[in-house]
């Protein structure tokens, strides 16, 4: 493990960090390690996926009805089967 020193931290930031650390039952140092670890891990622990957002939207609104045009106008004679040989 290496050591990191951060100078000139705003007093208000330090106070809020102390409160956050206490709420999470950690020391200020452990809280900073956790925050830094989450920040560089590529995602936040509370981050939700697009699928989860869509599912929540569907749950709240009942979904969305979309009128699709009929597919009768397709001429099946023009549909060629690809030859992958």
PDB file of N, CA and C in Angstrom:
ATOM      1  N   UNK A   1       0.839  -1.181   0.000  1.00  0.00           N
ATOM      2  CA  UNK A   1       0.000   0.000   0.000  1.00  0.00           C
ATOM      3  C   UNK A   1       0.880   1.239   0.000  1.00  0.00           C
ATOM      4  N   UNK A   2       0.354   2.272  -0.627  1.00  0.00           N
ATOM      5  CA  UNK A   2       1.096   3.530  -0.653  1.00  0.00           C
ATOM      6  C   UNK A   2       0.347   4.584   0.162  1.00  0.00           C
ATOM      7  N   UNK A   3       1.005   5.679   0.405  1.00  0.00           N
ATOM      8  CA  UNK A   3       0.446   6.761   1.200  1.00  0.00           C
ATOM      9  C   UNK A   3       0.160   7.948   0.303  1.00  0.00           C
ATOM     10  N   UNK A   4      -0.951   8.598   0.559  1.00  0.00           N
ATOM     11  CA  UNK A   4      -1.361   9.765  -0.216  1.00  0.00           C
ATOM     12  C   UNK A   4      -1.677  10.886   0.763  1.00  0.00           C
ATOM     13  N   UNK A   5      -1.086  12.037   0.549  1.00  0.00           N
ATOM     14  CA  UNK A   5      -1.340  13.195   1.397  1.00  0.00           C
ATOM     15  C   UNK A   5      -2.096  14.229   0.588  1.00  0.00           C
ATOM     16  N   UNK A   6      -3.182  14.726   1.143  1.00  0.00           N
ATOM     17  CA  UNK A   6      -3.977  15.748   0.459  1.00  0.00           C
ATOM     18  C   UNK A   6      -3.945  17.004   1.311  1.00  0.00           C
ATOM     19  N   UNK A   7      -3.444  18.065   0.753  1.00  0.00           N
ATOM     20  CA  UNK A   7      -3.319  19.332   1.475  1.00  0.00           C
ATOM     21  C   UNK A   7      -4.410  20.300   1.043  1.00  0.00           C
ATOM     22  N   UNK A   8      -4.638  21.301   1.869  1.00  0.00           N
ATOM     23  CA  UNK A   8      -5.560  22.397   1.579  1.00  0.00           C
ATOM     24  C   UNK A   8      -6.989  21.919   1.322  1.00  0.00           C
ATOM     25  N   UNK A   9      -7.462  21.002   2.157  1.00  0.00           N
ATOM     26  CA  UNK A   9      -8.843  20.546   2.074  1.00  0.00           C
ATOM     27  C   UNK A   9      -9.722  21.585   2.759  1.00  0.00           C
ATOM     28  N   UNK A  10     -10.765  22.012   2.077  1.00  0.00           N
ATOM     29  CA  UNK A  10     -11.686  22.991   2.623  1.00  0.00           C
ATOM     30  C   UNK A  10     -12.275  22.473   3.942  1.00  0.00           C
ATOM     31  N   UNK A  11     -12.402  23.354   4.919  1.00  0.00           N
ATOM     32  CA  UNK A  11     -12.886  22.959   6.249  1.00  0.00           C
ATOM     33  C   UNK A  11     -14.291  22.366   6.181  1.00  0.00           C
ATOM     34  N   UNK A  12     -15.154  22.926   5.336  1.00  0.00           N
ATOM     35  CA  UNK A  12     -16.521  22.407   5.186  1.00  0.00           C
ATOM     36  C   UNK A  12     -16.500  20.990   4.604  1.00  0.00           C
ATOM     37  N   UNK A  13     -15.618  20.742   3.650  1.00  0.00           N
ATOM     38  CA  UNK A  13     -15.476  19.399   3.066  1.00  0.00           C
ATOM     39  C   UNK A  13     -15.029  18.415   4.147  1.00  0.00           C
ATOM     40  N   UNK A  14     -14.097  18.835   4.961  1.00  0.00           N
ATOM     41  CA  UNK A  14     -13.600  17.973   6.034  1.00  0.00           C
ATOM     42  C   UNK A  14     -14.722  17.628   7.020  1.00  0.00           C
ATOM     43  N   UNK A  15     -15.533  18.625   7.403  1.00  0.00           N
ATOM     44  CA  UNK A  15     -16.641  18.381   8.331  1.00  0.00           C
ATOM     45  C   UNK A  15     -17.653  17.404   7.739  1.00  0.00           C
ATOM     46  N   UNK A  16     -17.987  17.608   6.460  1.00  0.00           N
ATOM     47  CA  UNK A  16     -18.944  16.717   5.805  1.00  0.00           C
ATOM     48  C   UNK A  16     -18.380  15.312   5.670  1.00  0.00           C
ATOM     49  N   UNK A  17     -17.099  15.217   5.457  1.00  0.00           N
ATOM     50  CA  UNK A  17     -16.437  13.919   5.376  1.00  0.00           C
ATOM     51  C   UNK A  17     -16.484  13.210   6.734  1.00  0.00           C
ATOM     52  N   UNK A  18     -16.278  13.968   7.803  1.00  0.00           N
ATOM     53  CA  UNK A  18     -16.344  13.381   9.143  1.00  0.00           C
ATOM     54  C   UNK A  18     -17.746  12.843   9.423  1.00  0.00           C
ATOM     55  N   UNK A  19     -18.770  13.593   9.040  1.00  0.00           N
ATOM     56  CA  UNK A  19     -20.151  13.156   9.245  1.00  0.00           C
ATOM     57  C   UNK A  19     -20.439  11.903   8.428  1.00  0.00           C
ATOM     58  N   UNK A  20     -20.013  11.919   7.178  1.00  0.00           N
ATOM     59  CA  UNK A  20     -20.238  10.757   6.307  1.00  0.00           C
ATOM     60  C   UNK A  20     -19.532   9.525   6.851  1.00  0.00           C
ATOM     61  N   UNK A  21     -18.320   9.689   7.336  1.00  0.00           N
ATOM     62  CA  UNK A  21     -17.566   8.574   7.907  1.00  0.00           C
ATOM     63  C   UNK A  21     -18.293   8.031   9.126  1.00  0.00           C
ATOM     64  N   UNK A  22     -18.786   8.910   9.981  1.00  0.00           N
ATOM     65  CA  UNK A  22     -19.507   8.472  11.174  1.00  0.00           C
ATOM     66  C   UNK A  22     -20.786   7.738  10.800  1.00  0.00           C
ATOM     67  N   UNK A  23     -21.499   8.226   9.804  1.00  0.00           N
ATOM     68  CA  UNK A  23     -22.736   7.569   9.357  1.00  0.00           C
ATOM     69  C   UNK A  23     -22.461   6.159   8.839  1.00  0.00           C
ATOM     70  N   UNK A  24     -21.293   5.966   8.245  1.00  0.00           N
ATOM     71  CA  UNK A  24     -20.929   4.659   7.696  1.00  0.00           C
ATOM     72  C   UNK A  24     -20.122   3.815   8.676  1.00  0.00           C
ATOM     73  N   UNK A  25     -19.909   4.332   9.885  1.00  0.00           N
ATOM     74  CA  UNK A  25     -19.187   3.579  10.903  1.00  0.00           C
ATOM     75  C   UNK A  25     -17.723   3.355  10.565  1.00  0.00           C
ATOM     76  N   UNK A  26     -17.123   4.342   9.916  1.00  0.00           N
ATOM     77  CA  UNK A  26     -15.718   4.230   9.517  1.00  0.00           C
ATOM     78  C   UNK A  26     -14.934   5.425  10.028  1.00  0.00           C
ATOM     79  N   UNK A  27     -13.627   5.272  10.016  1.00  0.00           N
ATOM     80  CA  UNK A  27     -12.771   6.416  10.294  1.00  0.00           C
ATOM     81  C   UNK A  27     -12.789   7.312   9.055  1.00  0.00           C
ATOM     82  N   UNK A  28     -12.344   8.546   9.222  1.00  0.00           N
ATOM     83  CA  UNK A  28     -12.276   9.456   8.080  1.00  0.00           C
ATOM     84  C   UNK A  28     -11.344   8.893   7.009  1.00  0.00           C
ATOM     85  N   UNK A  29     -10.254   8.317   7.427  1.00  0.00           N
ATOM     86  CA  UNK A  29      -9.295   7.738   6.490  1.00  0.00           C
ATOM     87  C   UNK A  29      -9.926   6.587   5.707  1.00  0.00           C
ATOM     88  N   UNK A  30     -10.657   5.713   6.399  1.00  0.00           N
ATOM     89  CA  UNK A  30     -11.319   4.594   5.722  1.00  0.00           C
ATOM     90  C   UNK A  30     -12.396   5.100   4.772  1.00  0.00           C
ATOM     91  N   UNK A  31     -13.079   6.170   5.167  1.00  0.00           N
ATOM     92  CA  UNK A  31     -14.117   6.747   4.309  1.00  0.00           C
ATOM     93  C   UNK A  31     -13.509   7.297   3.025  1.00  0.00           C
ATOM     94  N   UNK A  32     -12.391   7.987   3.135  1.00  0.00           N
ATOM     95  CA  UNK A  32     -11.715   8.523   1.953  1.00  0.00           C
ATOM     96  C   UNK A  32     -11.256   7.390   1.049  1.00  0.00           C
ATOM     97  N   UNK A  33     -10.740   6.309   1.630  1.00  0.00           N
ATOM     98  CA  UNK A  33     -10.330   5.158   0.812  1.00  0.00           C
ATOM     99  C   UNK A  33     -11.528   4.588   0.066  1.00  0.00           C
ATOM    100  N   UNK A  34     -12.669   4.475   0.744  1.00  0.00           N
ATOM    101  CA  UNK A  34     -13.868   3.941   0.096  1.00  0.00           C
ATOM    102  C   UNK A  34     -14.336   4.852  -1.036  1.00  0.00           C
ATOM    103  N   UNK A  35     -14.341   6.153  -0.788  1.00  0.00           N
ATOM    104  CA  UNK A  35     -14.767   7.109  -1.813  1.00  0.00           C
ATOM    105  C   UNK A  35     -13.846   7.038  -3.031  1.00  0.00           C
ATOM    106  N   UNK A  36     -12.554   7.023  -2.797  1.00  0.00           N
ATOM    107  CA  UNK A  36     -11.601   6.946  -3.913  1.00  0.00           C
ATOM    108  C   UNK A  36     -11.745   5.629  -4.667  1.00  0.00           C
ATOM    109  N   UNK A  37     -11.922   4.553  -3.939  1.00  0.00           N
ATOM    110  CA  UNK A  37     -12.088   3.249  -4.585  1.00  0.00           C
ATOM    111  C   UNK A  37     -13.308   3.212  -5.489  1.00  0.00           C
ATOM    112  N   UNK A  38     -14.440   3.768  -5.002  1.00  0.00           N
ATOM    113  CA  UNK A  38     -15.662   3.815  -5.813  1.00  0.00           C
ATOM    114  C   UNK A  38     -15.477   4.711  -7.038  1.00  0.00           C
ATOM    115  N   UNK A  39     -14.766   5.822  -6.845  1.00  0.00           N
ATOM    116  CA  UNK A  39     -14.594   6.783  -7.932  1.00  0.00           C
ATOM    117  C   UNK A  39     -13.795   6.209  -9.096  1.00  0.00           C
ATOM    118  N   UNK A  40     -12.825   5.376  -8.809  1.00  0.00           N
ATOM    119  CA  UNK A  40     -11.988   4.847  -9.888  1.00  0.00           C
ATOM    120  C   UNK A  40     -12.404   3.450 -10.338  1.00  0.00           C
ATOM    121  N   UNK A  41     -13.429   2.891  -9.708  1.00  0.00           N
ATOM    122  CA  UNK A  41     -13.863   1.538 -10.062  1.00  0.00           C
ATOM    123  C   UNK A  41     -14.676   1.505 -11.354  1.00  0.00           C
ATOM    124  N   UNK A  42     -15.020   2.661 -11.901  1.00  0.00           N
ATOM    125  CA  UNK A  42     -15.755   2.684 -13.165  1.00  0.00           C
ATOM    126  C   UNK A  42     -17.251   2.756 -12.985  1.00  0.00           C
ATOM    127  N   UNK A  43     -17.732   2.807 -11.795  1.00  0.00           N
ATOM    128  CA  UNK A  43     -19.162   2.910 -11.568  1.00  0.00           C
ATOM    129  C   UNK A  43     -19.461   3.121 -10.107  1.00  0.00           C
ATOM    130  N   UNK A  44     -20.598   3.688  -9.863  1.00  0.00           N
ATOM    131  CA  UNK A  44     -21.020   3.932  -8.499  1.00  0.00           C
ATOM    132  C   UNK A  44     -21.839   2.739  -8.024  1.00  0.00           C
ATOM    133  N   UNK A  45     -21.782   2.418  -6.744  1.00  0.00           N
ATOM    134  CA  UNK A  45     -22.546   1.275  -6.261  1.00  0.00           C
ATOM    135  C   UNK A  45     -24.045   1.448  -6.431  1.00  0.00           C
ATOM    136  N   UNK A  46     -24.542   2.685  -6.441  1.00  0.00           N
ATOM    137  CA  UNK A  46     -25.967   2.924  -6.595  1.00  0.00           C
ATOM    138  C   UNK A  46     -26.375   3.133  -8.046  1.00  0.00           C
ATOM    139  N   UNK A  47     -25.439   3.018  -8.957  1.00  0.00           N
ATOM    140  CA  UNK A  47     -25.717   3.230 -10.361  1.00  0.00           C
ATOM    141  C   UNK A  47     -26.607   2.098 -10.876  1.00  0.00           C
ATOM    142  N   UNK A  48     -27.637   2.434 -11.636  1.00  0.00           N
ATOM    143  CA  UNK A  48     -28.542   1.421 -12.166  1.00  0.00           C
ATOM    144  C   UNK A  48     -28.345   1.294 -13.666  1.00  0.00           C
ATOM    145  N   UNK A  49     -28.678   0.138 -14.178  1.00  0.00           N
ATOM    146  CA  UNK A  49     -28.515  -0.113 -15.606  1.00  0.00           C
ATOM    147  C   UNK A  49     -29.700   0.462 -16.378  1.00  0.00           C
ATOM    148  N   UNK A  50     -29.543   0.571 -17.683  1.00  0.00           N
ATOM    149  CA  UNK A  50     -30.618   1.056 -18.539  1.00  0.00           C
ATOM    150  C   UNK A  50     -31.832   0.142 -18.427  1.00  0.00           C
ATOM    151  N   UNK A  51     -31.605  -1.154 -18.360  1.00  0.00           N
ATOM    152  CA  UNK A  51     -32.706  -2.107 -18.220  1.00  0.00           C
ATOM    153  C   UNK A  51     -33.502  -1.867 -16.950  1.00  0.00           C
ATOM    154  N   UNK A  52     -32.804  -1.573 -15.851  1.00  0.00           N
ATOM    155  CA  UNK A  52     -33.490  -1.296 -14.582  1.00  0.00           C
ATOM    156  C   UNK A  52     -34.295  -0.002 -14.663  1.00  0.00           C
ATOM    157  N   UNK A  53     -33.752   1.005 -15.348  1.00  0.00           N
ATOM    158  CA  UNK A  53     -34.477   2.265 -15.521  1.00  0.00           C
ATOM    159  C   UNK A  53     -35.732   2.025 -16.349  1.00  0.00           C
ATOM    160  N   UNK A  54     -35.615   1.248 -17.412  1.00  0.00           N
ATOM    161  CA  UNK A  54     -36.767   0.953 -18.269  1.00  0.00           C
ATOM    162  C   UNK A  54     -37.825   0.149 -17.525  1.00  0.00           C
ATOM    163  N   UNK A  55     -37.386  -0.814 -16.717  1.00  0.00           N
ATOM    164  CA  UNK A  55     -38.329  -1.612 -15.937  1.00  0.00           C
ATOM    165  C   UNK A  55     -39.078  -0.733 -14.938  1.00  0.00           C
ATOM    166  N   UNK A  56     -38.384   0.196 -14.313  1.00  0.00           N
ATOM    167  CA  UNK A  56     -39.022   1.122 -13.376  1.00  0.00           C
ATOM    168  C   UNK A  56     -40.013   2.019 -14.104  1.00  0.00           C
ATOM    169  N   UNK A  57     -39.653   2.494 -15.287  1.00  0.00           N
ATOM    170  CA  UNK A  57     -40.572   3.310 -16.095  1.00  0.00           C
ATOM    171  C   UNK A  57     -41.835   2.518 -16.431  1.00  0.00           C
ATOM    172  N   UNK A  58     -41.640   1.277 -16.854  1.00  0.00           N
ATOM    173  CA  UNK A  58     -42.765   0.417 -17.204  1.00  0.00           C
ATOM    174  C   UNK A  58     -43.655   0.183 -15.980  1.00  0.00           C
ATOM    175  N   UNK A  59     -43.034  -0.011 -14.806  1.00  0.00           N
ATOM    176  CA  UNK A  59     -43.795  -0.251 -13.587  1.00  0.00           C
ATOM    177  C   UNK A  59     -44.625   0.982 -13.220  1.00  0.00           C
ATOM    178  N   UNK A  60     -44.041   2.162 -13.347  1.00  0.00           N
ATOM    179  CA  UNK A  60     -44.738   3.395 -12.959  1.00  0.00           C
ATOM    180  C   UNK A  60     -45.820   3.807 -13.945  1.00  0.00           C
ATOM    181  N   UNK A  61     -45.571   3.597 -15.222  1.00  0.00           N
ATOM    182  CA  UNK A  61     -46.480   4.122 -16.242  1.00  0.00           C
ATOM    183  C   UNK A  61     -47.333   3.061 -16.918  1.00  0.00           C
ATOM    184  N   UNK A  62     -47.021   1.814 -16.704  1.00  0.00           N
ATOM    185  CA  UNK A  62     -47.745   0.770 -17.414  1.00  0.00           C
ATOM    186  C   UNK A  62     -47.199   0.548 -18.813  1.00  0.00           C
ATOM    187  N   UNK A  63     -46.095   1.182 -19.139  1.00  0.00           N
ATOM    188  CA  UNK A  63     -45.473   1.003 -20.444  1.00  0.00           C
ATOM    189  C   UNK A  63     -45.981   2.021 -21.448  1.00  0.00           C
ATOM    190  N   UNK A  64     -45.621   1.823 -22.677  1.00  0.00           N
ATOM    191  CA  UNK A  64     -45.999   2.724 -23.752  1.00  0.00           C
ATOM    192  C   UNK A  64     -46.501   1.886 -24.913  1.00  0.00           C
ATOM    193  N   UNK A  65     -47.640   2.269 -25.447  1.00  0.00           N
ATOM    194  CA  UNK A  65     -48.168   1.593 -26.626  1.00  0.00           C
ATOM    195  C   UNK A  65     -47.673   2.310 -27.874  1.00  0.00           C
ATOM    196  N   UNK A  66     -47.150   1.559 -28.803  1.00  0.00           N
ATOM    197  CA  UNK A  66     -46.635   2.123 -30.043  1.00  0.00           C
ATOM    198  C   UNK A  66     -47.410   1.505 -31.200  1.00  0.00           C
ATOM    199  N   UNK A  67     -47.991   2.358 -32.034  1.00  0.00           N
ATOM    200  CA  UNK A  67     -48.705   1.871 -33.207  1.00  0.00           C
ATOM    201  C   UNK A  67     -47.705   1.583 -34.314  1.00  0.00           C
ATOM    202  N   UNK A  68     -47.606   0.331 -34.694  1.00  0.00           N
ATOM    203  CA  UNK A  68     -46.693  -0.072 -35.763  1.00  0.00           C
ATOM    204  C   UNK A  68     -47.470  -0.201 -37.062  1.00  0.00           C
ATOM    205  N   UNK A  69     -46.853   0.175 -38.165  1.00  0.00           N
ATOM    206  CA  UNK A  69     -47.551   0.035 -39.445  1.00  0.00           C
ATOM    207  C   UNK A  69     -47.716  -1.445 -39.786  1.00  0.00           C
ATOM    208  N   UNK A  70     -48.762  -1.766 -40.516  1.00  0.00           N
ATOM    209  CA  UNK A  70     -48.959  -3.172 -40.896  1.00  0.00           C
ATOM    210  C   UNK A  70     -47.839  -3.652 -41.811  1.00  0.00           C
ATOM    211  N   UNK A  71     -47.577  -4.938 -41.785  1.00  0.00           N
ATOM    212  CA  UNK A  71     -46.501  -5.497 -42.602  1.00  0.00           C
ATOM    213  C   UNK A  71     -47.042  -6.128 -43.880  1.00  0.00           C
ATOM    214  N   UNK A  72     -48.302  -5.849 -44.224  1.00  0.00           N
ATOM    215  CA  UNK A  72     -48.927  -6.439 -45.410  1.00  0.00           C
ATOM    216  C   UNK A  72     -48.256  -5.993 -46.699  1.00  0.00           C
ATOM    217  N   UNK A  73     -47.685  -4.799 -46.682  1.00  0.00           N
ATOM    218  CA  UNK A  73     -47.135  -4.230 -47.913  1.00  0.00           C
ATOM    219  C   UNK A  73     -45.820  -4.870 -48.352  1.00  0.00           C
ATOM    220  N   UNK A  74     -45.310  -5.827 -47.589  1.00  0.00           N
ATOM    221  CA  UNK A  74     -44.054  -6.482 -47.972  1.00  0.00           C
ATOM    222  C   UNK A  74     -44.345  -7.537 -49.036  1.00  0.00           C
ATOM    223  N   UNK A  75     -43.579  -7.485 -50.073  1.00  0.00           N
ATOM    224  CA  UNK A  75     -43.721  -8.457 -51.150  1.00  0.00           C
ATOM    225  C   UNK A  75     -42.745  -9.596 -50.882  1.00  0.00           C
ATOM    226  N   UNK A  76     -43.263 -10.781 -50.523  1.00  0.00           N
ATOM    227  CA  UNK A  76     -42.411 -11.915 -50.184  1.00  0.00           C
ATOM    228  C   UNK A  76     -41.595 -12.409 -51.375  1.00  0.00           C
ATOM    229  N   UNK A  77     -42.019 -12.100 -52.590  1.00  0.00           N
ATOM    230  CA  UNK A  77     -41.273 -12.574 -53.755  1.00  0.00           C
ATOM    231  C   UNK A  77     -39.918 -11.877 -53.866  1.00  0.00           C
ATOM    232  N   UNK A  78     -39.803 -10.713 -53.258  1.00  0.00           N
ATOM    233  CA  UNK A  78     -38.552  -9.963 -53.333  1.00  0.00           C
ATOM    234  C   UNK A  78     -37.578 -10.364 -52.223  1.00  0.00           C
ATOM    235  N   UNK A  79     -38.019 -11.200 -51.301  1.00  0.00           N
ATOM    236  CA  UNK A  79     -37.159 -11.622 -50.197  1.00  0.00           C
ATOM    237  C   UNK A  79     -36.284 -12.768 -50.658  1.00  0.00           C
ATOM    238  N   UNK A  80     -35.000 -12.513 -50.733  1.00  0.00           N
ATOM    239  CA  UNK A  80     -34.054 -13.534 -51.176  1.00  0.00           C
ATOM    240  C   UNK A  80     -33.427 -14.211 -49.989  1.00  0.00           C
ATOM    241  N   UNK A  81     -33.249 -15.490 -50.074  1.00  0.00           N
ATOM    242  CA  UNK A  81     -32.592 -16.240 -49.014  1.00  0.00           C
ATOM    243  C   UNK A  81     -31.088 -16.198 -49.289  1.00  0.00           C
ATOM    244  N   UNK A  82     -30.306 -15.729 -48.322  1.00  0.00           N
ATOM    245  CA  UNK A  82     -28.861 -15.643 -48.551  1.00  0.00           C
ATOM    246  C   UNK A  82     -28.226 -17.027 -48.646  1.00  0.00           C
ATOM    247  N   UNK A  83     -27.213 -17.116 -49.471  1.00  0.00           N
ATOM    248  CA  UNK A  83     -26.451 -18.369 -49.621  1.00  0.00           C
ATOM    249  C   UNK A  83     -25.132 -18.196 -48.896  1.00  0.00           C
ATOM    250  N   UNK A  84     -24.955 -18.932 -47.791  1.00  0.00           N
ATOM    251  CA  UNK A  84     -23.758 -18.808 -46.980  1.00  0.00           C
ATOM    252  C   UNK A  84     -22.741 -19.923 -47.272  1.00  0.00           C
ATOM    253  N   UNK A  85     -22.892 -20.580 -48.380  1.00  0.00           N
ATOM    254  CA  UNK A  85     -21.962 -21.690 -48.666  1.00  0.00           C
ATOM    255  C   UNK A  85     -20.628 -21.204 -49.154  1.00  0.00           C
TER     256      UNK A  85
END
